[in-house]
Each structure stands twice: as structure tokens, then as C-alpha cells.
Protein backbone atom coordinates (compact mmCIF):
# COMPACT_ATOMS: atom_id res chain seq x y z
CA UNK A 1 46.53 -184.53 38.73
CA UNK A 2 47.14 -182.15 36.29
CA UNK A 3 44.66 -179.73 34.40
CA UNK A 4 43.42 -180.71 30.88
CA UNK A 5 44.00 -178.32 27.91
CA UNK A 6 40.95 -177.67 25.49
CA UNK A 7 43.51 -175.94 22.72
CA UNK A 8 46.80 -176.72 21.48
CA UNK A 9 49.33 -174.94 23.68
CA UNK A 10 53.04 -174.72 24.73
CA UNK A 11 53.93 -174.17 28.30
CA UNK A 12 57.58 -174.41 29.77
CA UNK A 13 58.96 -175.56 26.10
CA UNK A 14 56.23 -178.61 25.93
CA UNK A 15 53.72 -178.59 23.17
CA UNK A 16 50.06 -180.22 24.44
CA UNK A 17 47.41 -180.95 22.30
CA UNK A 18 43.29 -180.70 23.17
CA UNK A 19 42.63 -183.27 25.91
CA UNK A 20 46.08 -183.54 27.06
CA UNK A 21 46.98 -183.31 30.70
CA UNK A 22 49.51 -180.88 32.16
CA UNK A 23 51.40 -181.53 35.08
CA UNK A 24 50.69 -179.20 37.93
CA UNK A 25 54.17 -177.65 38.01
CA UNK A 26 53.71 -176.43 34.14
CA UNK A 27 50.12 -175.81 34.79
CA UNK A 28 50.84 -173.02 37.13
CA UNK A 29 53.19 -171.33 34.85
CA UNK A 30 50.46 -171.23 32.31
CA UNK A 31 49.22 -167.37 31.76
CA UNK A 32 46.00 -167.64 29.75
CA UNK A 33 42.83 -169.59 31.58
CA UNK A 34 41.14 -170.05 28.27
CA UNK A 35 43.34 -172.78 27.46
CA UNK A 36 41.73 -175.29 30.07
CA UNK A 37 38.87 -177.25 29.81
CA UNK A 38 35.86 -176.49 31.46
CA UNK A 39 35.98 -178.14 35.19
CA UNK A 40 39.86 -178.60 34.85
CA UNK A 41 40.50 -176.68 38.00
CA UNK A 42 44.05 -176.44 39.28
CA UNK A 43 44.49 -176.90 42.81
CA UNK A 44 47.08 -174.69 44.75
CA UNK A 45 50.55 -176.25 45.67
CA UNK A 46 51.15 -176.88 49.16
CA UNK A 47 54.36 -175.00 50.28
CA UNK A 48 57.19 -177.66 51.09
CA UNK A 49 57.74 -178.33 54.54
CA UNK A 50 55.04 -175.57 55.40
CA UNK A 51 57.66 -173.14 54.16
CA UNK A 52 57.88 -171.10 51.08
CA UNK A 53 55.36 -171.41 47.67
CA UNK A 54 56.83 -174.31 45.50
CA UNK A 55 54.99 -172.46 42.46
CA UNK A 56 57.16 -169.36 42.08
CA UNK A 57 61.18 -169.97 41.83
CA UNK A 58 63.30 -168.22 44.01
CA UNK A 59 65.60 -165.48 42.71
CA UNK A 60 68.51 -166.30 40.80
CA UNK A 61 70.78 -163.60 42.70
CA UNK A 62 70.49 -161.18 45.55
CA UNK A 63 68.24 -161.71 48.75
CA UNK A 64 66.29 -165.13 48.92
CA UNK A 65 68.89 -166.55 46.18
CA UNK A 66 70.76 -169.34 48.69
CA UNK A 67 71.22 -172.83 47.94
CA UNK A 68 68.64 -173.75 50.43
CA UNK A 69 65.72 -171.77 48.64
CA UNK A 70 66.89 -173.39 45.41
CA UNK A 71 67.08 -176.94 47.26
CA UNK A 72 63.48 -176.26 49.06
CA UNK A 73 61.97 -175.29 45.67
CA UNK A 74 63.34 -178.23 43.84
CA UNK A 75 62.46 -180.74 46.31
CA UNK A 76 58.61 -179.01 45.96
CA UNK A 77 59.46 -180.42 42.47
CA UNK A 78 60.30 -183.83 42.94
CA UNK A 79 64.44 -182.80 42.15
CA UNK A 80 66.87 -184.00 45.01
CA UNK A 81 70.46 -183.37 44.44
CA UNK A 82 73.49 -184.65 46.46
CA UNK A 83 74.93 -182.77 49.71
CA UNK A 84 77.57 -181.15 47.60
CA UNK A 85 75.16 -179.50 45.00
CA UNK A 86 75.20 -175.49 45.09
CA UNK A 87 72.34 -173.03 43.90
CA UNK A 88 73.64 -173.36 40.21
CA UNK A 89 73.32 -177.21 40.23
CA UNK A 90 69.61 -176.74 41.23
CA UNK A 91 68.88 -174.26 38.48
CA UNK A 92 70.70 -176.01 35.86
CA UNK A 93 68.67 -179.30 36.82
CA UNK A 94 65.39 -177.59 37.15
CA UNK A 95 65.98 -175.85 33.83
CA UNK A 96 66.71 -179.14 32.08
CA UNK A 97 63.71 -180.75 33.50
CA UNK A 98 61.56 -177.75 32.38
CA UNK A 99 60.47 -176.65 35.54
CA UNK A 100 61.83 -173.15 34.92
CA UNK A 101 62.72 -171.34 31.81
CA UNK A 102 66.06 -170.87 31.22
CA UNK A 103 67.33 -167.48 32.56
CA UNK A 104 64.36 -167.24 34.26
């Protein structure tokens, strides 16, 4: 269940009006706590498979940026790609769905 915004706002490239419910993955990215309706608390996202936190994307390069890390992060957001998909495929799909910002 998402949180409801109290004011007009944009999160992850999407616009929300007062009373709109924001999906949990986008709500976790909001920086200003004053945008939420009173009593609209965000519950923490459980790590996928007991592993990494699915609210923070893996690095795009270097240590921790493996295909497996991106696949696990994507799975935590309901994104499943085929066995031939690489890290860049996951990044592109997550950007397309608005889960992560382009170039984030």
C-alpha cells in the first residue's frame, strides 16, 4: 500500500495531486517529508530474498554493480527479465518503468 500526498508533487517523473496514492517504490524516493498526508506512514520494504535493500539501487559501475545485484533489485520491484538479460538491460527497464531516474 502506498502513501497519500497532501500537496501537488512530482516523484520519479510522475505527477501526483493531493489525496493520490504513491506506489511504495516511488514514495521511498521522496525527499520532502512534508508532502505526505498525516497518518500516511511508509512501511519499510523488506529486502528481496533476505539480501540487499530493494529501496536503493546498486551502483551502475564498479563494486556491487553486477548483473545479479541489478536482477535482485529489479525483482524487488516486480521486474523479471529473461536469463540472457544483462545489467544494462535491467537498468534500461527500470528507467523505463520509472523505478530509477535515467543516469541515476
